[in-house]
């Protein structure tokens, strides 16, 4: 898929205030410092499109970007940052879960996993929750350029083994690098194939229109 344009649209915390859900939408989420914004920028060919924060866990917004004027990328707040208060975590969980369960045009959640790490309980628990809610998701292993290929494969296989203790089959997955562009075309091809099959949901009409 060719990226012809990508621009920021809106940030908010209310599902009711989200952009019109008449085009396919893809959400990116992961632990803080997993490289989410960098990967989105690489996919979109724009270095400063998704903003990285100086303080992990500070950004707590649903960020919408319109791509090629006909589909959305959504940059969700990172999870698992220790300095975020219990109140902030509970607030995050509420509005993110509302978004993920109620957004009808959401086609896939890309869960980003740091390929350098052993399987983390918080990632496995989040994937399990997505499965319980029947929310389609894929795994994106990030930062593959930071270590050898065999080490990445080793950690990917460990994550597969851990997740398959809860799932009958492993979801689609991609190994990526925001530095080298590894996996970029495969992720975009995956999105493009879904876009071709997309059927817009029937949206409620405004009785005053």
N, C-alpha and C. Protein backbone atom coordinates (compact mmCIF):
# COMPACT_ATOMS: atom_id res chain seq x y z
N UNK A 1 0.84 -1.20 0.00
CA UNK A 1 0.00 0.00 0.00
C UNK A 1 0.88 1.25 0.00
N UNK A 2 0.51 2.22 -0.79
CA UNK A 2 1.25 3.47 -0.84
C UNK A 2 0.61 4.50 0.09
N UNK A 3 1.43 5.13 0.92
CA UNK A 3 0.93 6.18 1.80
C UNK A 3 1.08 7.51 1.08
N UNK A 4 -0.06 8.09 0.68
CA UNK A 4 -0.05 9.35 -0.05
C UNK A 4 -0.17 10.54 0.88
N UNK A 5 -0.85 10.35 2.00
CA UNK A 5 -1.01 11.44 2.96
C UNK A 5 -1.34 10.86 4.33
N UNK A 6 -0.96 11.58 5.36
CA UNK A 6 -1.29 11.21 6.73
C UNK A 6 -1.23 12.48 7.56
N UNK A 7 -2.30 12.74 8.29
CA UNK A 7 -2.34 13.96 9.09
C UNK A 7 -3.10 13.73 10.38
N UNK A 8 -2.68 14.48 11.41
CA UNK A 8 -3.36 14.42 12.70
C UNK A 8 -4.77 14.96 12.56
N UNK A 9 -5.71 14.30 13.25
CA UNK A 9 -7.10 14.71 13.15
C UNK A 9 -7.61 15.29 14.47
N UNK A 10 -7.56 14.47 15.55
CA UNK A 10 -8.12 14.93 16.82
C UNK A 10 -7.62 14.05 17.96
N UNK A 11 -7.60 14.62 19.17
CA UNK A 11 -7.29 13.87 20.39
C UNK A 11 -8.44 14.06 21.38
N UNK A 12 -8.83 13.01 22.05
CA UNK A 12 -9.84 13.14 23.10
C UNK A 12 -9.88 11.89 23.97
N UNK A 13 -10.76 11.88 24.96
CA UNK A 13 -10.93 10.73 25.84
C UNK A 13 -12.38 10.23 25.84
N UNK A 14 -13.20 10.76 24.96
CA UNK A 14 -14.62 10.40 24.95
C UNK A 14 -14.97 9.65 23.66
N UNK A 15 -15.53 8.46 23.81
CA UNK A 15 -15.94 7.69 22.65
C UNK A 15 -16.99 8.45 21.85
N UNK A 16 -17.84 9.19 22.53
CA UNK A 16 -18.90 9.94 21.85
C UNK A 16 -18.36 11.08 20.99
N UNK A 17 -17.11 11.48 21.24
CA UNK A 17 -16.53 12.60 20.49
C UNK A 17 -15.56 12.16 19.41
N UNK A 18 -15.47 10.86 19.16
CA UNK A 18 -14.54 10.35 18.16
C UNK A 18 -14.98 10.76 16.75
N UNK A 19 -14.05 10.76 15.80
CA UNK A 19 -14.41 11.07 14.41
C UNK A 19 -15.45 10.09 13.87
N UNK A 20 -16.15 10.50 12.84
CA UNK A 20 -17.17 9.66 12.21
C UNK A 20 -16.59 8.29 11.85
N UNK A 21 -17.26 7.23 12.28
CA UNK A 21 -16.74 5.88 12.10
C UNK A 21 -17.16 5.23 10.80
N UNK A 22 -16.94 5.92 9.69
CA UNK A 22 -17.38 5.41 8.39
C UNK A 22 -16.24 4.87 7.55
N UNK A 23 -15.02 4.83 8.12
CA UNK A 23 -13.87 4.26 7.41
C UNK A 23 -13.15 3.29 8.35
N UNK A 24 -12.36 2.36 7.79
CA UNK A 24 -11.67 1.40 8.65
C UNK A 24 -10.66 2.07 9.57
N UNK A 25 -10.49 1.48 10.75
CA UNK A 25 -9.67 2.08 11.79
C UNK A 25 -8.77 1.01 12.42
N UNK A 26 -7.53 1.41 12.74
CA UNK A 26 -6.54 0.49 13.30
C UNK A 26 -5.88 1.14 14.50
N UNK A 27 -5.96 0.49 15.66
CA UNK A 27 -5.42 1.06 16.89
C UNK A 27 -4.07 0.43 17.21
N UNK A 28 -3.14 1.27 17.66
CA UNK A 28 -1.81 0.82 18.08
C UNK A 28 -1.67 1.06 19.58
N UNK A 29 -1.26 0.01 20.30
CA UNK A 29 -1.17 0.11 21.75
C UNK A 29 -0.04 -0.79 22.24
N UNK A 30 0.52 -0.45 23.39
CA UNK A 30 1.58 -1.27 23.96
C UNK A 30 2.09 -0.64 25.24
N UNK A 31 3.04 -1.31 25.87
CA UNK A 31 3.62 -0.76 27.08
C UNK A 31 4.37 0.53 26.75
N UNK A 32 4.50 1.39 27.76
CA UNK A 32 5.26 2.63 27.59
C UNK A 32 6.69 2.28 27.15
N UNK A 33 7.23 3.08 26.26
CA UNK A 33 8.60 2.92 25.73
C UNK A 33 8.77 1.72 24.79
N UNK A 34 7.66 1.23 24.23
CA UNK A 34 7.77 0.09 23.31
C UNK A 34 8.14 0.55 21.90
N UNK A 35 8.10 1.87 21.66
CA UNK A 35 8.45 2.40 20.34
C UNK A 35 7.26 2.60 19.44
N UNK A 36 6.10 2.82 20.03
CA UNK A 36 4.85 2.91 19.27
C UNK A 36 4.83 4.12 18.33
N UNK A 37 5.11 5.29 18.87
CA UNK A 37 5.06 6.50 18.04
C UNK A 37 6.09 6.44 16.92
N UNK A 38 7.28 5.93 17.23
CA UNK A 38 8.32 5.82 16.21
C UNK A 38 7.89 4.90 15.08
N UNK A 39 7.22 3.80 15.43
CA UNK A 39 6.77 2.87 14.40
C UNK A 39 5.67 3.49 13.54
N UNK A 40 4.72 4.17 14.17
CA UNK A 40 3.66 4.84 13.41
C UNK A 40 4.27 5.84 12.44
N UNK A 41 5.23 6.62 12.91
CA UNK A 41 5.89 7.60 12.04
C UNK A 41 6.59 6.93 10.87
N UNK A 42 7.20 5.78 11.11
CA UNK A 42 7.87 5.05 10.04
C UNK A 42 6.86 4.53 9.02
N UNK A 43 5.76 3.99 9.50
CA UNK A 43 4.72 3.47 8.60
C UNK A 43 4.16 4.59 7.72
N UNK A 44 4.03 5.78 8.31
CA UNK A 44 3.41 6.91 7.61
C UNK A 44 4.41 7.79 6.86
N UNK A 45 5.71 7.47 6.95
CA UNK A 45 6.76 8.25 6.28
C UNK A 45 6.82 9.68 6.76
N UNK A 46 6.49 9.92 8.05
CA UNK A 46 6.55 11.26 8.61
C UNK A 46 7.19 11.20 9.99
N UNK A 47 8.36 11.76 10.10
CA UNK A 47 9.14 11.64 11.34
C UNK A 47 8.45 12.23 12.56
N UNK A 48 7.68 13.30 12.40
CA UNK A 48 7.08 13.95 13.56
C UNK A 48 5.58 13.83 13.65
N UNK A 49 4.98 12.87 12.96
CA UNK A 49 3.52 12.76 12.94
C UNK A 49 2.96 12.43 14.32
N UNK A 50 3.35 11.27 14.86
CA UNK A 50 2.94 10.89 16.21
C UNK A 50 4.00 11.39 17.18
N UNK A 51 3.59 12.15 18.16
CA UNK A 51 4.53 12.80 19.07
C UNK A 51 4.96 11.85 20.18
N UNK A 52 6.27 11.84 20.46
CA UNK A 52 6.78 11.08 21.59
C UNK A 52 6.87 12.01 22.78
N UNK A 53 6.57 11.47 23.97
CA UNK A 53 6.57 12.28 25.18
C UNK A 53 7.89 12.15 25.92
N UNK A 54 8.32 13.25 26.56
CA UNK A 54 9.52 13.22 27.38
C UNK A 54 9.28 12.42 28.66
N UNK A 55 8.02 12.32 29.05
CA UNK A 55 7.67 11.59 30.27
C UNK A 55 6.74 10.45 29.91
N UNK A 56 7.23 9.21 29.90
CA UNK A 56 6.37 8.06 29.59
C UNK A 56 5.17 8.01 30.53
N UNK A 57 4.01 7.70 29.96
CA UNK A 57 2.80 7.62 30.77
C UNK A 57 2.06 8.94 30.91
N UNK A 58 2.66 10.03 30.41
CA UNK A 58 2.03 11.34 30.55
C UNK A 58 0.85 11.50 29.61
N UNK A 59 1.02 11.09 28.37
CA UNK A 59 -0.04 11.24 27.38
C UNK A 59 -1.17 10.25 27.66
N UNK A 60 -2.38 10.74 27.83
CA UNK A 60 -3.52 9.88 28.14
C UNK A 60 -4.69 10.21 27.22
N UNK A 61 -4.42 10.20 25.91
CA UNK A 61 -5.44 10.59 24.95
C UNK A 61 -5.56 9.56 23.83
N UNK A 62 -6.74 9.52 23.21
CA UNK A 62 -6.95 8.75 21.99
C UNK A 62 -6.62 9.69 20.83
N UNK A 63 -5.57 9.37 20.07
CA UNK A 63 -5.10 10.24 19.00
C UNK A 63 -5.44 9.64 17.63
N UNK A 64 -6.26 10.35 16.88
CA UNK A 64 -6.67 9.89 15.56
C UNK A 64 -5.87 10.58 14.45
N UNK A 65 -5.45 9.78 13.47
CA UNK A 65 -4.79 10.28 12.26
C UNK A 65 -5.55 9.73 11.05
N UNK A 66 -5.77 10.57 10.07
CA UNK A 66 -6.44 10.13 8.85
C UNK A 66 -5.37 9.87 7.79
N UNK A 67 -5.43 8.68 7.18
CA UNK A 67 -4.42 8.24 6.23
C UNK A 67 -5.06 8.12 4.84
N UNK A 68 -4.41 8.70 3.84
CA UNK A 68 -4.92 8.68 2.47
C UNK A 68 -6.37 9.17 2.39
N UNK A 69 -6.78 9.90 3.41
CA UNK A 69 -8.14 10.44 3.51
C UNK A 69 -9.22 9.36 3.52
N UNK A 70 -8.83 8.09 3.77
CA UNK A 70 -9.87 7.04 3.75
C UNK A 70 -9.69 5.93 4.79
N UNK A 71 -8.76 6.09 5.74
CA UNK A 71 -8.72 5.18 6.89
C UNK A 71 -7.97 5.84 8.04
N UNK A 72 -8.23 5.33 9.25
CA UNK A 72 -7.65 5.93 10.45
C UNK A 72 -6.57 5.05 11.07
N UNK A 73 -5.52 5.69 11.58
CA UNK A 73 -4.62 5.09 12.55
C UNK A 73 -4.91 5.77 13.89
N UNK A 74 -4.97 4.97 14.95
CA UNK A 74 -5.23 5.51 16.28
C UNK A 74 -4.06 5.17 17.19
N UNK A 75 -3.45 6.21 17.74
CA UNK A 75 -2.34 6.07 18.67
C UNK A 75 -2.91 6.14 20.09
N UNK A 76 -2.89 5.00 20.78
CA UNK A 76 -3.45 4.93 22.13
C UNK A 76 -2.35 5.10 23.18
N UNK A 77 -2.69 5.56 24.38
CA UNK A 77 -1.69 5.74 25.43
C UNK A 77 -1.01 4.43 25.80
N UNK A 78 0.27 4.52 26.14
CA UNK A 78 0.99 3.34 26.58
C UNK A 78 0.53 2.89 27.95
N UNK A 79 0.67 1.61 28.22
CA UNK A 79 0.27 1.10 29.53
C UNK A 79 1.50 0.54 30.27
N UNK A 80 1.33 0.33 31.58
CA UNK A 80 2.37 -0.32 32.36
C UNK A 80 3.45 0.60 32.89
N UNK A 81 3.21 1.92 32.90
CA UNK A 81 4.23 2.82 33.43
C UNK A 81 4.06 2.95 34.94
N UNK A 82 5.09 2.61 35.69
CA UNK A 82 5.00 2.46 37.15
C UNK A 82 4.62 3.75 37.87
N UNK A 83 5.00 4.92 37.33
CA UNK A 83 4.77 6.17 38.04
C UNK A 83 3.36 6.72 37.84
N UNK A 84 2.58 6.09 37.02
CA UNK A 84 1.19 6.52 36.85
C UNK A 84 0.40 6.07 38.07
N UNK A 85 -0.37 6.98 38.64
CA UNK A 85 -1.12 6.68 39.85
C UNK A 85 -2.23 5.66 39.60
N UNK A 86 -2.71 5.06 40.68
CA UNK A 86 -3.79 4.09 40.57
C UNK A 86 -5.02 4.73 39.95
N UNK A 87 -5.30 5.98 40.36
CA UNK A 87 -6.46 6.70 39.80
C UNK A 87 -6.30 6.90 38.30
N UNK A 88 -5.09 7.26 37.87
CA UNK A 88 -4.84 7.47 36.45
C UNK A 88 -4.98 6.17 35.67
N UNK A 89 -4.48 5.08 36.26
CA UNK A 89 -4.60 3.78 35.59
C UNK A 89 -6.05 3.37 35.42
N UNK A 90 -6.85 3.60 36.46
CA UNK A 90 -8.26 3.24 36.39
C UNK A 90 -8.99 4.08 35.36
N UNK A 91 -8.64 5.37 35.29
CA UNK A 91 -9.24 6.25 34.28
C UNK A 91 -8.85 5.80 32.90
N UNK A 92 -7.57 5.46 32.72
CA UNK A 92 -7.07 4.96 31.43
C UNK A 92 -7.84 3.71 31.03
N UNK A 93 -7.95 2.77 31.96
CA UNK A 93 -8.62 1.51 31.64
C UNK A 93 -10.06 1.74 31.20
N UNK A 94 -10.74 2.66 31.86
CA UNK A 94 -12.15 2.90 31.55
C UNK A 94 -12.32 3.43 30.14
N UNK A 95 -11.60 4.51 29.79
CA UNK A 95 -11.87 5.10 28.48
C UNK A 95 -11.26 4.29 27.34
N UNK A 96 -10.15 3.59 27.59
CA UNK A 96 -9.58 2.76 26.55
C UNK A 96 -10.46 1.53 26.30
N UNK A 97 -10.92 0.93 27.35
CA UNK A 97 -11.80 -0.25 27.18
C UNK A 97 -13.11 0.14 26.53
N UNK A 98 -13.63 1.31 26.88
CA UNK A 98 -14.84 1.79 26.21
C UNK A 98 -14.59 1.95 24.71
N UNK A 99 -13.46 2.55 24.38
CA UNK A 99 -13.12 2.74 22.98
C UNK A 99 -13.00 1.41 22.25
N UNK A 100 -12.24 0.48 22.82
CA UNK A 100 -11.95 -0.78 22.14
C UNK A 100 -13.20 -1.65 21.98
N UNK A 101 -14.13 -1.56 22.91
CA UNK A 101 -15.31 -2.41 22.85
C UNK A 101 -16.48 -1.78 22.09
N UNK A 102 -16.46 -0.46 21.92
CA UNK A 102 -17.61 0.22 21.34
C UNK A 102 -17.38 0.78 19.94
N UNK A 103 -16.14 0.85 19.52
CA UNK A 103 -15.84 1.46 18.22
C UNK A 103 -16.12 0.45 17.10
N UNK A 104 -17.21 0.61 16.39
CA UNK A 104 -17.68 -0.39 15.44
C UNK A 104 -16.79 -0.51 14.20
N UNK A 105 -16.13 0.55 13.81
CA UNK A 105 -15.29 0.50 12.61
C UNK A 105 -13.85 0.08 12.91
N UNK A 106 -13.55 -0.26 14.17
CA UNK A 106 -12.21 -0.73 14.54
C UNK A 106 -11.99 -2.11 13.95
N UNK A 107 -11.02 -2.21 13.06
CA UNK A 107 -10.78 -3.46 12.34
C UNK A 107 -9.76 -4.35 13.03
N UNK A 108 -8.78 -3.74 13.68
CA UNK A 108 -7.73 -4.54 14.30
C UNK A 108 -6.98 -3.69 15.32
N UNK A 109 -6.60 -4.33 16.42
CA UNK A 109 -5.73 -3.70 17.41
C UNK A 109 -4.33 -4.28 17.24
N UNK A 110 -3.37 -3.43 16.99
CA UNK A 110 -1.98 -3.87 16.90
C UNK A 110 -1.35 -3.72 18.29
N UNK A 111 -1.05 -4.85 18.91
CA UNK A 111 -0.43 -4.84 20.24
C UNK A 111 1.08 -4.90 20.04
N UNK A 112 1.78 -3.86 20.49
CA UNK A 112 3.22 -3.79 20.28
C UNK A 112 3.97 -4.41 21.46
N UNK A 113 4.92 -5.27 21.12
CA UNK A 113 5.71 -6.00 22.11
C UNK A 113 7.19 -5.73 21.83
N UNK A 114 7.95 -5.38 22.84
CA UNK A 114 9.39 -5.16 22.70
C UNK A 114 10.07 -6.52 22.47
N UNK A 115 10.64 -6.69 21.30
CA UNK A 115 11.22 -8.00 20.94
C UNK A 115 12.45 -8.35 21.77
N UNK A 116 12.98 -7.40 22.52
CA UNK A 116 14.18 -7.65 23.32
C UNK A 116 13.86 -8.30 24.67
N UNK A 117 12.59 -8.32 25.03
CA UNK A 117 12.21 -8.75 26.36
C UNK A 117 11.60 -10.15 26.40
N UNK A 118 11.72 -10.79 27.55
CA UNK A 118 11.00 -12.03 27.82
C UNK A 118 9.51 -11.69 27.87
N UNK A 119 8.61 -12.66 27.74
CA UNK A 119 7.17 -12.37 27.82
C UNK A 119 6.81 -11.66 29.13
N UNK A 120 6.07 -10.57 29.00
CA UNK A 120 5.67 -9.78 30.16
C UNK A 120 4.21 -10.06 30.50
N UNK A 121 3.93 -10.23 31.79
CA UNK A 121 2.57 -10.58 32.24
C UNK A 121 1.54 -9.56 31.78
N UNK A 122 1.88 -8.27 31.82
CA UNK A 122 0.91 -7.23 31.47
C UNK A 122 0.50 -7.32 30.00
N UNK A 123 1.45 -7.69 29.13
CA UNK A 123 1.13 -7.86 27.71
C UNK A 123 0.24 -9.08 27.49
N UNK A 124 0.58 -10.17 28.16
CA UNK A 124 -0.21 -11.39 28.03
C UNK A 124 -1.62 -11.19 28.55
N UNK A 125 -1.75 -10.47 29.65
CA UNK A 125 -3.07 -10.20 30.23
C UNK A 125 -3.91 -9.32 29.30
N UNK A 126 -3.28 -8.34 28.68
CA UNK A 126 -4.02 -7.47 27.77
C UNK A 126 -4.50 -8.24 26.55
N UNK A 127 -3.63 -9.09 26.01
CA UNK A 127 -4.03 -9.93 24.86
C UNK A 127 -5.18 -10.86 25.25
N UNK A 128 -5.11 -11.40 26.46
CA UNK A 128 -6.18 -12.29 26.93
C UNK A 128 -7.50 -11.54 27.02
N UNK A 129 -7.45 -10.29 27.48
CA UNK A 129 -8.67 -9.49 27.57
C UNK A 129 -9.24 -9.22 26.19
N UNK A 130 -8.39 -8.89 25.22
CA UNK A 130 -8.86 -8.69 23.85
C UNK A 130 -9.55 -9.94 23.33
N UNK A 131 -8.95 -11.10 23.62
CA UNK A 131 -9.54 -12.36 23.19
C UNK A 131 -10.90 -12.60 23.83
N UNK A 132 -10.99 -12.33 25.11
CA UNK A 132 -12.26 -12.52 25.82
C UNK A 132 -13.36 -11.63 25.25
N UNK A 133 -12.98 -10.44 24.80
CA UNK A 133 -13.95 -9.50 24.24
C UNK A 133 -14.15 -9.68 22.74
N UNK A 134 -13.48 -10.69 22.15
CA UNK A 134 -13.58 -10.97 20.72
C UNK A 134 -13.18 -9.76 19.88
N UNK A 135 -12.15 -9.04 20.32
CA UNK A 135 -11.63 -7.90 19.58
C UNK A 135 -10.46 -8.38 18.73
N UNK A 136 -10.52 -8.27 17.42
CA UNK A 136 -9.42 -8.75 16.56
C UNK A 136 -8.12 -8.02 16.87
N UNK A 137 -7.03 -8.77 16.98
CA UNK A 137 -5.74 -8.13 17.25
C UNK A 137 -4.61 -8.88 16.57
N UNK A 138 -3.52 -8.15 16.38
CA UNK A 138 -2.27 -8.70 15.86
C UNK A 138 -1.15 -8.31 16.81
N UNK A 139 -0.03 -8.98 16.69
CA UNK A 139 1.13 -8.66 17.49
C UNK A 139 2.19 -8.02 16.58
N UNK A 140 2.76 -6.92 17.04
CA UNK A 140 3.90 -6.31 16.36
C UNK A 140 5.08 -6.33 17.32
N UNK A 141 6.10 -7.07 16.98
CA UNK A 141 7.32 -7.09 17.78
C UNK A 141 8.22 -5.96 17.29
N UNK A 142 8.57 -5.06 18.19
CA UNK A 142 9.32 -3.86 17.84
C UNK A 142 10.81 -3.98 18.18
N UNK A 143 11.58 -3.02 17.66
CA UNK A 143 13.00 -2.84 18.00
C UNK A 143 13.87 -4.05 17.64
N UNK A 144 13.52 -4.72 16.54
CA UNK A 144 14.28 -5.90 16.13
C UNK A 144 15.70 -5.54 15.71
N UNK A 145 15.95 -4.27 15.39
CA UNK A 145 17.29 -3.85 14.99
C UNK A 145 18.24 -3.76 16.17
N UNK A 146 17.72 -3.82 17.38
CA UNK A 146 18.54 -3.63 18.58
C UNK A 146 19.25 -4.90 19.03
N UNK A 147 19.02 -6.01 18.34
CA UNK A 147 19.65 -7.27 18.72
C UNK A 147 19.75 -8.17 17.49
N UNK A 148 20.35 -9.33 17.66
CA UNK A 148 20.52 -10.26 16.55
C UNK A 148 19.20 -10.90 16.16
N UNK A 149 19.13 -11.37 14.92
CA UNK A 149 17.93 -12.06 14.45
C UNK A 149 17.60 -13.28 15.28
N UNK A 150 18.59 -14.14 15.59
CA UNK A 150 18.30 -15.32 16.41
C UNK A 150 17.74 -14.97 17.79
N UNK A 151 18.23 -13.88 18.39
CA UNK A 151 17.71 -13.48 19.70
C UNK A 151 16.27 -13.02 19.60
N UNK A 152 15.97 -12.27 18.53
CA UNK A 152 14.58 -11.86 18.30
C UNK A 152 13.69 -13.07 18.13
N UNK A 153 14.10 -14.01 17.30
CA UNK A 153 13.31 -15.23 17.07
C UNK A 153 13.10 -15.99 18.37
N UNK A 154 14.11 -16.01 19.21
CA UNK A 154 14.01 -16.72 20.48
C UNK A 154 12.93 -16.09 21.37
N UNK A 155 12.94 -14.76 21.46
CA UNK A 155 11.95 -14.09 22.30
C UNK A 155 10.54 -14.17 21.70
N UNK A 156 10.46 -14.12 20.37
CA UNK A 156 9.16 -14.27 19.72
C UNK A 156 8.58 -15.66 20.03
N UNK A 157 9.40 -16.67 19.95
CA UNK A 157 8.93 -18.03 20.22
C UNK A 157 8.51 -18.20 21.68
N UNK A 158 9.21 -17.53 22.59
CA UNK A 158 8.81 -17.58 24.00
C UNK A 158 7.46 -16.92 24.21
N UNK A 159 7.23 -15.79 23.51
CA UNK A 159 5.94 -15.12 23.64
C UNK A 159 4.84 -15.97 23.03
N UNK A 160 5.11 -16.59 21.90
CA UNK A 160 4.14 -17.50 21.29
C UNK A 160 3.73 -18.59 22.26
N UNK A 161 4.72 -19.22 22.86
CA UNK A 161 4.46 -20.32 23.79
C UNK A 161 3.60 -19.86 24.96
N UNK A 162 3.92 -18.68 25.50
CA UNK A 162 3.17 -18.16 26.64
C UNK A 162 1.73 -17.83 26.25
N UNK A 163 1.55 -17.21 25.08
CA UNK A 163 0.20 -16.81 24.67
C UNK A 163 -0.65 -18.02 24.30
N UNK A 164 -0.02 -19.04 23.75
CA UNK A 164 -0.77 -20.24 23.34
C UNK A 164 -1.26 -21.05 24.53
N UNK A 165 -0.86 -20.67 25.72
CA UNK A 165 -1.43 -21.29 26.92
C UNK A 165 -2.85 -20.78 27.15
N UNK A 166 -3.20 -19.65 26.48
CA UNK A 166 -4.53 -19.06 26.63
C UNK A 166 -5.34 -19.07 25.34
N UNK A 167 -4.67 -19.25 24.20
CA UNK A 167 -5.33 -19.21 22.90
C UNK A 167 -5.09 -20.52 22.14
N UNK A 168 -6.04 -20.86 21.28
CA UNK A 168 -5.90 -22.06 20.46
C UNK A 168 -4.90 -21.86 19.34
N UNK A 169 -4.79 -20.63 18.84
CA UNK A 169 -3.83 -20.33 17.79
C UNK A 169 -3.25 -18.94 18.01
N UNK A 170 -2.05 -18.73 17.48
CA UNK A 170 -1.39 -17.45 17.65
C UNK A 170 -1.92 -16.48 16.60
N UNK A 171 -2.16 -15.23 16.99
CA UNK A 171 -2.67 -14.24 16.02
C UNK A 171 -1.61 -13.89 14.99
N UNK A 172 -1.99 -13.23 13.91
CA UNK A 172 -0.99 -12.74 12.95
C UNK A 172 0.04 -11.88 13.67
N UNK A 173 1.29 -11.92 13.23
CA UNK A 173 2.30 -11.12 13.89
C UNK A 173 3.33 -10.62 12.88
N UNK A 174 4.02 -9.55 13.29
CA UNK A 174 5.02 -8.91 12.44
C UNK A 174 6.24 -8.57 13.28
N UNK A 175 7.41 -8.72 12.70
CA UNK A 175 8.66 -8.32 13.34
C UNK A 175 9.12 -7.03 12.67
N UNK A 176 9.33 -5.98 13.46
CA UNK A 176 9.55 -4.66 12.88
C UNK A 176 10.74 -3.93 13.48
N UNK A 177 11.15 -2.89 12.77
CA UNK A 177 12.14 -1.93 13.25
C UNK A 177 11.78 -0.56 12.72
N UNK A 178 11.60 0.40 13.62
CA UNK A 178 11.32 1.77 13.20
C UNK A 178 12.56 2.43 12.62
N UNK A 179 13.72 1.85 12.86
CA UNK A 179 14.97 2.39 12.34
C UNK A 179 15.20 1.94 10.89
N UNK A 180 15.15 0.64 10.67
CA UNK A 180 15.48 0.10 9.35
C UNK A 180 14.27 -0.02 8.42
N UNK A 181 13.07 0.02 9.01
CA UNK A 181 11.87 -0.18 8.20
C UNK A 181 11.47 -1.64 8.06
N UNK A 182 12.16 -2.53 8.76
CA UNK A 182 11.82 -3.95 8.72
C UNK A 182 10.35 -4.15 9.08
N UNK A 183 9.64 -4.91 8.27
CA UNK A 183 8.24 -5.23 8.54
C UNK A 183 7.24 -4.20 8.10
N UNK A 184 7.70 -3.03 7.70
CA UNK A 184 6.80 -1.94 7.34
C UNK A 184 5.84 -2.33 6.22
N UNK A 185 6.37 -2.84 5.13
CA UNK A 185 5.53 -3.17 3.98
C UNK A 185 4.53 -4.28 4.30
N UNK A 186 4.93 -5.22 5.15
CA UNK A 186 4.03 -6.32 5.51
C UNK A 186 2.86 -5.82 6.35
N UNK A 187 3.14 -4.89 7.27
CA UNK A 187 2.06 -4.31 8.07
C UNK A 187 1.09 -3.54 7.19
N UNK A 188 1.63 -2.72 6.28
CA UNK A 188 0.77 -1.93 5.39
C UNK A 188 -0.01 -2.82 4.42
N UNK A 189 0.61 -3.90 3.96
CA UNK A 189 -0.11 -4.83 3.09
C UNK A 189 -1.27 -5.48 3.83
N UNK A 190 -1.04 -5.85 5.08
CA UNK A 190 -2.08 -6.44 5.92
C UNK A 190 -3.26 -5.47 6.07
N UNK A 191 -2.96 -4.21 6.37
CA UNK A 191 -4.00 -3.19 6.50
C UNK A 191 -4.73 -2.99 5.17
N UNK A 192 -3.97 -2.94 4.08
CA UNK A 192 -4.58 -2.74 2.77
C UNK A 192 -5.56 -3.83 2.40
N UNK A 193 -5.23 -5.07 2.74
CA UNK A 193 -6.12 -6.20 2.43
C UNK A 193 -7.42 -6.11 3.22
N UNK A 194 -7.32 -5.66 4.46
CA UNK A 194 -8.54 -5.49 5.26
C UNK A 194 -9.37 -4.33 4.71
N UNK A 195 -8.70 -3.25 4.35
CA UNK A 195 -9.41 -2.09 3.81
C UNK A 195 -10.25 -2.46 2.59
N UNK A 196 -9.72 -3.35 1.75
CA UNK A 196 -10.44 -3.74 0.53
C UNK A 196 -11.74 -4.46 0.84
N UNK A 197 -11.81 -5.11 2.02
CA UNK A 197 -13.00 -5.87 2.39
C UNK A 197 -13.93 -5.09 3.31
N UNK A 198 -13.56 -3.87 3.65
CA UNK A 198 -14.30 -3.12 4.66
C UNK A 198 -15.69 -2.74 4.19
N UNK A 199 -16.66 -2.95 5.07
CA UNK A 199 -18.03 -2.50 4.84
C UNK A 199 -18.37 -1.55 5.97
N UNK A 200 -18.69 -0.32 5.64
CA UNK A 200 -18.96 0.69 6.66
C UNK A 200 -20.17 0.32 7.51
N UNK A 201 -20.08 0.47 8.83
CA UNK A 201 -21.24 0.20 9.69
C UNK A 201 -22.33 1.21 9.44
N UNK A 202 -23.55 0.83 9.75
CA UNK A 202 -24.66 1.75 9.63
C UNK A 202 -24.64 2.68 10.82
N UNK A 203 -24.43 3.96 10.56
CA UNK A 203 -24.30 4.94 11.64
C UNK A 203 -25.67 5.54 11.97
N UNK A 204 -25.88 5.88 13.26
CA UNK A 204 -27.14 6.51 13.62
C UNK A 204 -27.29 7.86 12.95
N UNK A 205 -28.49 8.18 12.53
CA UNK A 205 -28.75 9.47 11.87
C UNK A 205 -29.18 10.51 12.90
N UNK A 206 -28.88 11.73 12.59
CA UNK A 206 -29.28 12.84 13.46
C UNK A 206 -30.74 13.18 13.21
N UNK A 207 -31.60 13.02 14.22
CA UNK A 207 -33.04 13.29 14.00
C UNK A 207 -33.33 14.76 13.68
N UNK A 208 -32.37 15.63 13.98
CA UNK A 208 -32.58 17.07 13.72
C UNK A 208 -32.09 17.51 12.35
N UNK A 209 -31.44 16.55 11.62
CA UNK A 209 -30.90 16.95 10.32
C UNK A 209 -31.97 16.95 9.26
